[in-house]
């Protein structure tokens, strides 16, 4: 029916630390785990990048 085609798709709420998980399905919980693992990877990549930049800067200034 055309009425339902115009309705926006329901978006999942972002994960919040301490959020009540009891109402989530198993698939929703697995999706959250995947999302959080992706976020952990993203944060670790940024942390590594900053560590590499800092090491390069320290090495540059030690040469002087």
PDB file of N, CA and C in Angstrom:
ATOM      1  N   UNK A   1       0.830  -1.186   0.000  1.00  0.00           N
ATOM      2  CA  UNK A   1       0.000   0.000   0.000  1.00  0.00           C
ATOM      3  C   UNK A   1       0.869   1.242   0.000  1.00  0.00           C
ATOM      4  N   UNK A   2       0.464   2.241  -0.692  1.00  0.00           N
ATOM      5  CA  UNK A   2       1.246   3.466  -0.850  1.00  0.00           C
ATOM      6  C   UNK A   2       1.434   4.206   0.466  1.00  0.00           C
ATOM      7  N   UNK A   3       0.515   4.069   1.387  1.00  0.00           N
ATOM      8  CA  UNK A   3       0.618   4.790   2.659  1.00  0.00           C
ATOM      9  C   UNK A   3       1.890   4.387   3.392  1.00  0.00           C
ATOM     10  N   UNK A   4       2.205   3.112   3.393  1.00  0.00           N
ATOM     11  CA  UNK A   4       3.362   2.627   4.134  1.00  0.00           C
ATOM     12  C   UNK A   4       4.676   2.897   3.414  1.00  0.00           C
ATOM     13  N   UNK A   5       4.651   3.043   2.105  1.00  0.00           N
ATOM     14  CA  UNK A   5       5.863   3.321   1.353  1.00  0.00           C
ATOM     15  C   UNK A   5       6.440   4.691   1.681  1.00  0.00           C
ATOM     16  N   UNK A   6       5.619   5.621   2.099  1.00  0.00           N
ATOM     17  CA  UNK A   6       6.068   6.973   2.390  1.00  0.00           C
ATOM     18  C   UNK A   6       6.634   7.137   3.799  1.00  0.00           C
ATOM     19  N   UNK A   7       6.431   6.133   4.652  1.00  0.00           N
ATOM     20  CA  UNK A   7       6.916   6.235   6.015  1.00  0.00           C
ATOM     21  C   UNK A   7       8.429   5.972   6.057  1.00  0.00           C
ATOM     22  N   UNK A   8       9.155   6.784   6.807  1.00  0.00           N
ATOM     23  CA  UNK A   8      10.607   6.575   6.892  1.00  0.00           C
ATOM     24  C   UNK A   8      10.917   5.262   7.606  1.00  0.00           C
ATOM     25  N   UNK A   9      12.026   4.666   7.263  1.00  0.00           N
ATOM     26  CA  UNK A   9      12.454   3.431   7.904  1.00  0.00           C
ATOM     27  C   UNK A   9      12.842   3.707   9.352  1.00  0.00           C
ATOM     28  N   UNK A  10      12.516   2.774  10.217  1.00  0.00           N
ATOM     29  CA  UNK A  10      12.861   2.918  11.629  1.00  0.00           C
ATOM     30  C   UNK A  10      14.358   2.734  11.805  1.00  0.00           C
ATOM     31  N   UNK A  11      15.010   3.683  12.466  1.00  0.00           N
ATOM     32  CA  UNK A  11      16.440   3.608  12.715  1.00  0.00           C
ATOM     33  C   UNK A  11      16.681   3.051  14.106  1.00  0.00           C
ATOM     34  N   UNK A  12      17.734   2.243  14.214  1.00  0.00           N
ATOM     35  CA  UNK A  12      18.123   1.738  15.528  1.00  0.00           C
ATOM     36  C   UNK A  12      18.743   2.864  16.338  1.00  0.00           C
ATOM     37  N   UNK A  13      18.412   2.887  17.603  1.00  0.00           N
ATOM     38  CA  UNK A  13      18.989   3.898  18.486  1.00  0.00           C
ATOM     39  C   UNK A  13      20.462   3.574  18.683  1.00  0.00           C
ATOM     40  N   UNK A  14      21.312   4.583  18.799  1.00  0.00           N
ATOM     41  CA  UNK A  14      22.729   4.317  19.040  1.00  0.00           C
ATOM     42  C   UNK A  14      22.913   3.649  20.391  1.00  0.00           C
ATOM     43  N   UNK A  15      23.973   2.909  20.514  1.00  0.00           N
ATOM     44  CA  UNK A  15      24.256   2.227  21.778  1.00  0.00           C
ATOM     45  C   UNK A  15      24.700   3.241  22.820  1.00  0.00           C
ATOM     46  N   UNK A  16      24.202   3.069  24.012  1.00  0.00           N
ATOM     47  CA  UNK A  16      24.608   3.903  25.138  1.00  0.00           C
ATOM     48  C   UNK A  16      25.134   2.986  26.235  1.00  0.00           C
ATOM     49  N   UNK A  17      26.225   3.368  26.843  1.00  0.00           N
ATOM     50  CA  UNK A  17      26.794   2.577  27.937  1.00  0.00           C
ATOM     51  C   UNK A  17      25.770   2.495  29.065  1.00  0.00           C
ATOM     52  N   UNK A  18      25.521   1.293  29.552  1.00  0.00           N
ATOM     53  CA  UNK A  18      24.572   1.087  30.643  1.00  0.00           C
ATOM     54  C   UNK A  18      23.130   0.970  30.203  1.00  0.00           C
ATOM     55  N   UNK A  19      22.885   1.013  28.915  1.00  0.00           N
ATOM     56  CA  UNK A  19      21.528   0.939  28.368  1.00  0.00           C
ATOM     57  C   UNK A  19      20.894  -0.418  28.699  1.00  0.00           C
ATOM     58  N   UNK A  20      19.583  -0.430  28.944  1.00  0.00           N
ATOM     59  CA  UNK A  20      18.847  -1.664  29.197  1.00  0.00           C
ATOM     60  C   UNK A  20      18.824  -2.486  27.910  1.00  0.00           C
ATOM     61  N   UNK A  21      19.396  -3.663  27.961  1.00  0.00           N
ATOM     62  CA  UNK A  21      19.486  -4.524  26.784  1.00  0.00           C
ATOM     63  C   UNK A  21      18.420  -5.622  26.787  1.00  0.00           C
ATOM     64  N   UNK A  22      17.622  -5.689  27.821  1.00  0.00           N
ATOM     65  CA  UNK A  22      16.670  -6.782  27.974  1.00  0.00           C
ATOM     66  C   UNK A  22      15.598  -6.821  26.884  1.00  0.00           C
ATOM     67  N   UNK A  23      15.327  -5.717  26.250  1.00  0.00           N
ATOM     68  CA  UNK A  23      14.274  -5.684  25.221  1.00  0.00           C
ATOM     69  C   UNK A  23      14.797  -5.939  23.811  1.00  0.00           C
ATOM     70  N   UNK A  24      16.104  -6.117  23.680  1.00  0.00           N
ATOM     71  CA  UNK A  24      16.687  -6.331  22.361  1.00  0.00           C
ATOM     72  C   UNK A  24      16.658  -7.817  22.002  1.00  0.00           C
ATOM     73  N   UNK A  25      16.455  -8.089  20.722  1.00  0.00           N
ATOM     74  CA  UNK A  25      16.466  -9.468  20.243  1.00  0.00           C
ATOM     75  C   UNK A  25      17.911  -9.958  20.150  1.00  0.00           C
ATOM     76  N   UNK A  26      18.053 -11.245  19.937  1.00  0.00           N
ATOM     77  CA  UNK A  26      19.386 -11.820  19.768  1.00  0.00           C
ATOM     78  C   UNK A  26      20.075 -11.200  18.570  1.00  0.00           C
ATOM     79  N   UNK A  27      19.341 -11.006  17.470  1.00  0.00           N
ATOM     80  CA  UNK A  27      19.923 -10.382  16.279  1.00  0.00           C
ATOM     81  C   UNK A  27      20.348  -8.944  16.568  1.00  0.00           C
ATOM     82  N   UNK A  28      19.541  -8.219  17.331  1.00  0.00           N
ATOM     83  CA  UNK A  28      19.904  -6.842  17.703  1.00  0.00           C
ATOM     84  C   UNK A  28      21.160  -6.825  18.568  1.00  0.00           C
ATOM     85  N   UNK A  29      21.260  -7.760  19.494  1.00  0.00           N
ATOM     86  CA  UNK A  29      22.442  -7.833  20.357  1.00  0.00           C
ATOM     87  C   UNK A  29      23.687  -8.156  19.540  1.00  0.00           C
ATOM     88  N   UNK A  30      23.563  -9.074  18.598  1.00  0.00           N
ATOM     89  CA  UNK A  30      24.699  -9.413  17.737  1.00  0.00           C
ATOM     90  C   UNK A  30      25.097  -8.214  16.875  1.00  0.00           C
ATOM     91  N   UNK A  31      24.109  -7.489  16.389  1.00  0.00           N
ATOM     92  CA  UNK A  31      24.390  -6.295  15.583  1.00  0.00           C
ATOM     93  C   UNK A  31      25.120  -5.251  16.419  1.00  0.00           C
ATOM     94  N   UNK A  32      24.728  -5.112  17.682  1.00  0.00           N
ATOM     95  CA  UNK A  32      25.413  -4.158  18.570  1.00  0.00           C
ATOM     96  C   UNK A  32      26.854  -4.575  18.810  1.00  0.00           C
ATOM     97  N   UNK A  33      27.069  -5.869  19.008  1.00  0.00           N
ATOM     98  CA  UNK A  33      28.434  -6.357  19.213  1.00  0.00           C
ATOM     99  C   UNK A  33      29.275  -6.041  17.989  1.00  0.00           C
ATOM    100  N   UNK A  34      28.741  -6.293  16.794  1.00  0.00           N
ATOM    101  CA  UNK A  34      29.472  -5.985  15.560  1.00  0.00           C
ATOM    102  C   UNK A  34      29.771  -4.496  15.455  1.00  0.00           C
ATOM    103  N   UNK A  35      28.780  -3.669  15.789  1.00  0.00           N
ATOM    104  CA  UNK A  35      28.961  -2.223  15.737  1.00  0.00           C
ATOM    105  C   UNK A  35      30.053  -1.781  16.719  1.00  0.00           C
ATOM    106  N   UNK A  36      30.009  -2.320  17.931  1.00  0.00           N
ATOM    107  CA  UNK A  36      30.990  -1.946  18.949  1.00  0.00           C
ATOM    108  C   UNK A  36      32.388  -2.443  18.585  1.00  0.00           C
ATOM    109  N   UNK A  37      32.487  -3.635  18.010  1.00  0.00           N
ATOM    110  CA  UNK A  37      33.795  -4.125  17.555  1.00  0.00           C
ATOM    111  C   UNK A  37      34.362  -3.212  16.470  1.00  0.00           C
ATOM    112  N   UNK A  38      33.496  -2.776  15.560  1.00  0.00           N
ATOM    113  CA  UNK A  38      33.928  -1.841  14.529  1.00  0.00           C
ATOM    114  C   UNK A  38      34.409  -0.535  15.121  1.00  0.00           C
ATOM    115  N   UNK A  39      33.712  -0.071  16.135  1.00  0.00           N
ATOM    116  CA  UNK A  39      34.105   1.181  16.798  1.00  0.00           C
ATOM    117  C   UNK A  39      35.427   1.009  17.537  1.00  0.00           C
ATOM    118  N   UNK A  40      35.616  -0.133  18.181  1.00  0.00           N
ATOM    119  CA  UNK A  40      36.884  -0.408  18.864  1.00  0.00           C
ATOM    120  C   UNK A  40      38.026  -0.398  17.862  1.00  0.00           C
ATOM    121  N   UNK A  41      37.825  -1.029  16.728  1.00  0.00           N
ATOM    122  CA  UNK A  41      38.848  -1.049  15.679  1.00  0.00           C
ATOM    123  C   UNK A  41      39.162   0.362  15.202  1.00  0.00           C
ATOM    124  N   UNK A  42      38.138   1.170  15.018  1.00  0.00           N
ATOM    125  CA  UNK A  42      38.322   2.551  14.571  1.00  0.00           C
ATOM    126  C   UNK A  42      39.118   3.360  15.596  1.00  0.00           C
ATOM    127  N   UNK A  43      38.808   3.189  16.876  1.00  0.00           N
ATOM    128  CA  UNK A  43      39.507   3.917  17.936  1.00  0.00           C
ATOM    129  C   UNK A  43      40.957   3.436  18.050  1.00  0.00           C
ATOM    130  N   UNK A  44      41.163   2.123  17.951  1.00  0.00           N
ATOM    131  CA  UNK A  44      42.524   1.602  18.023  1.00  0.00           C
ATOM    132  C   UNK A  44      43.368   2.085  16.844  1.00  0.00           C
ATOM    133  N   UNK A  45      42.763   2.177  15.668  1.00  0.00           N
ATOM    134  CA  UNK A  45      43.471   2.694  14.497  1.00  0.00           C
ATOM    135  C   UNK A  45      43.890   4.137  14.715  1.00  0.00           C
ATOM    136  N   UNK A  46      43.004   4.942  15.247  1.00  0.00           N
ATOM    137  CA  UNK A  46      43.318   6.344  15.537  1.00  0.00           C
ATOM    138  C   UNK A  46      44.410   6.443  16.598  1.00  0.00           C
ATOM    139  N   UNK A  47      44.320   5.612  17.617  1.00  0.00           N
ATOM    140  CA  UNK A  47      45.326   5.606  18.675  1.00  0.00           C
ATOM    141  C   UNK A  47      46.696   5.232  18.111  1.00  0.00           C
ATOM    142  N   UNK A  48      46.735   4.227  17.263  1.00  0.00           N
ATOM    143  CA  UNK A  48      47.988   3.816  16.635  1.00  0.00           C
ATOM    144  C   UNK A  48      48.543   4.935  15.751  1.00  0.00           C
ATOM    145  N   UNK A  49      47.663   5.581  15.015  1.00  0.00           N
ATOM    146  CA  UNK A  49      48.071   6.678  14.143  1.00  0.00           C
ATOM    147  C   UNK A  49      48.697   7.809  14.943  1.00  0.00           C
ATOM    148  N   UNK A  50      48.090   8.147  16.029  1.00  0.00           N
ATOM    149  CA  UNK A  50      48.627   9.217  16.871  1.00  0.00           C
ATOM    150  C   UNK A  50      49.943   8.817  17.511  1.00  0.00           C
ATOM    151  N   UNK A  51      50.063   7.547  17.881  1.00  0.00           N
ATOM    152  CA  UNK A  51      51.308   7.072  18.449  1.00  0.00           C
ATOM    153  C   UNK A  51      52.434   7.126  17.427  1.00  0.00           C
ATOM    154  N   UNK A  52      52.121   6.787  16.172  1.00  0.00           N
ATOM    155  CA  UNK A  52      53.125   6.835  15.110  1.00  0.00           C
ATOM    156  C   UNK A  52      53.551   8.270  14.840  1.00  0.00           C
ATOM    157  N   UNK A  53      52.595   9.176  14.832  1.00  0.00           N
ATOM    158  CA  UNK A  53      52.900  10.591  14.602  1.00  0.00           C
ATOM    159  C   UNK A  53      53.762  11.131  15.732  1.00  0.00           C
ATOM    160  N   UNK A  54      53.445  10.769  16.945  1.00  0.00           N
ATOM    161  CA  UNK A  54      54.202  11.242  18.097  1.00  0.00           C
ATOM    162  C   UNK A  54      55.635  10.693  18.067  1.00  0.00           C
ATOM    163  N   UNK A  55      55.749   9.405  17.730  1.00  0.00           N
ATOM    164  CA  UNK A  55      57.088   8.804  17.649  1.00  0.00           C
ATOM    165  C   UNK A  55      57.933   9.485  16.581  1.00  0.00           C
ATOM    166  N   UNK A  56      57.328   9.800  15.450  1.00  0.00           N
ATOM    167  CA  UNK A  56      58.056  10.479  14.377  1.00  0.00           C
ATOM    168  C   UNK A  56      58.491  11.869  14.815  1.00  0.00           C
ATOM    169  N   UNK A  57      57.625  12.581  15.514  1.00  0.00           N
ATOM    170  CA  UNK A  57      57.950  13.923  15.988  1.00  0.00           C
ATOM    171  C   UNK A  57      59.073  13.858  17.029  1.00  0.00           C
ATOM    172  N   UNK A  58      58.992  12.905  17.932  1.00  0.00           N
ATOM    173  CA  UNK A  58      60.037  12.767  18.948  1.00  0.00           C
ATOM    174  C   UNK A  58      61.381  12.427  18.308  1.00  0.00           C
ATOM    175  N   UNK A  59      61.353  11.565  17.301  1.00  0.00           N
ATOM    176  CA  UNK A  59      62.590  11.195  16.607  1.00  0.00           C
ATOM    177  C   UNK A  59      63.179  12.394  15.885  1.00  0.00           C
ATOM    178  N   UNK A  60      62.347  13.220  15.307  1.00  0.00           N
ATOM    179  CA  UNK A  60      62.805  14.428  14.600  1.00  0.00           C
ATOM    180  C   UNK A  60      63.497  15.377  15.566  1.00  0.00           C
ATOM    181  N   UNK A  61      62.905  15.600  16.725  1.00  0.00           N
ATOM    182  CA  UNK A  61      63.477  16.550  17.676  1.00  0.00           C
ATOM    183  C   UNK A  61      64.702  16.000  18.396  1.00  0.00           C
ATOM    184  N   UNK A  62      64.822  14.687  18.486  1.00  0.00           N
ATOM    185  CA  UNK A  62      66.019  14.095  19.112  1.00  0.00           C
ATOM    186  C   UNK A  62      67.253  14.261  18.235  1.00  0.00           C
ATOM    187  N   UNK A  63      67.059  14.368  16.924  1.00  0.00           N
ATOM    188  CA  UNK A  63      68.178  14.502  16.007  1.00  0.00           C
ATOM    189  C   UNK A  63      68.880  15.842  16.130  1.00  0.00           C
ATOM    190  N   UNK A  64      68.198  16.811  16.627  1.00  0.00           N
ATOM    191  CA  UNK A  64      68.779  18.167  16.704  1.00  0.00           C
ATOM    192  C   UNK A  64      69.849  18.289  17.737  1.00  0.00           C
TER     193      UNK A  64
END
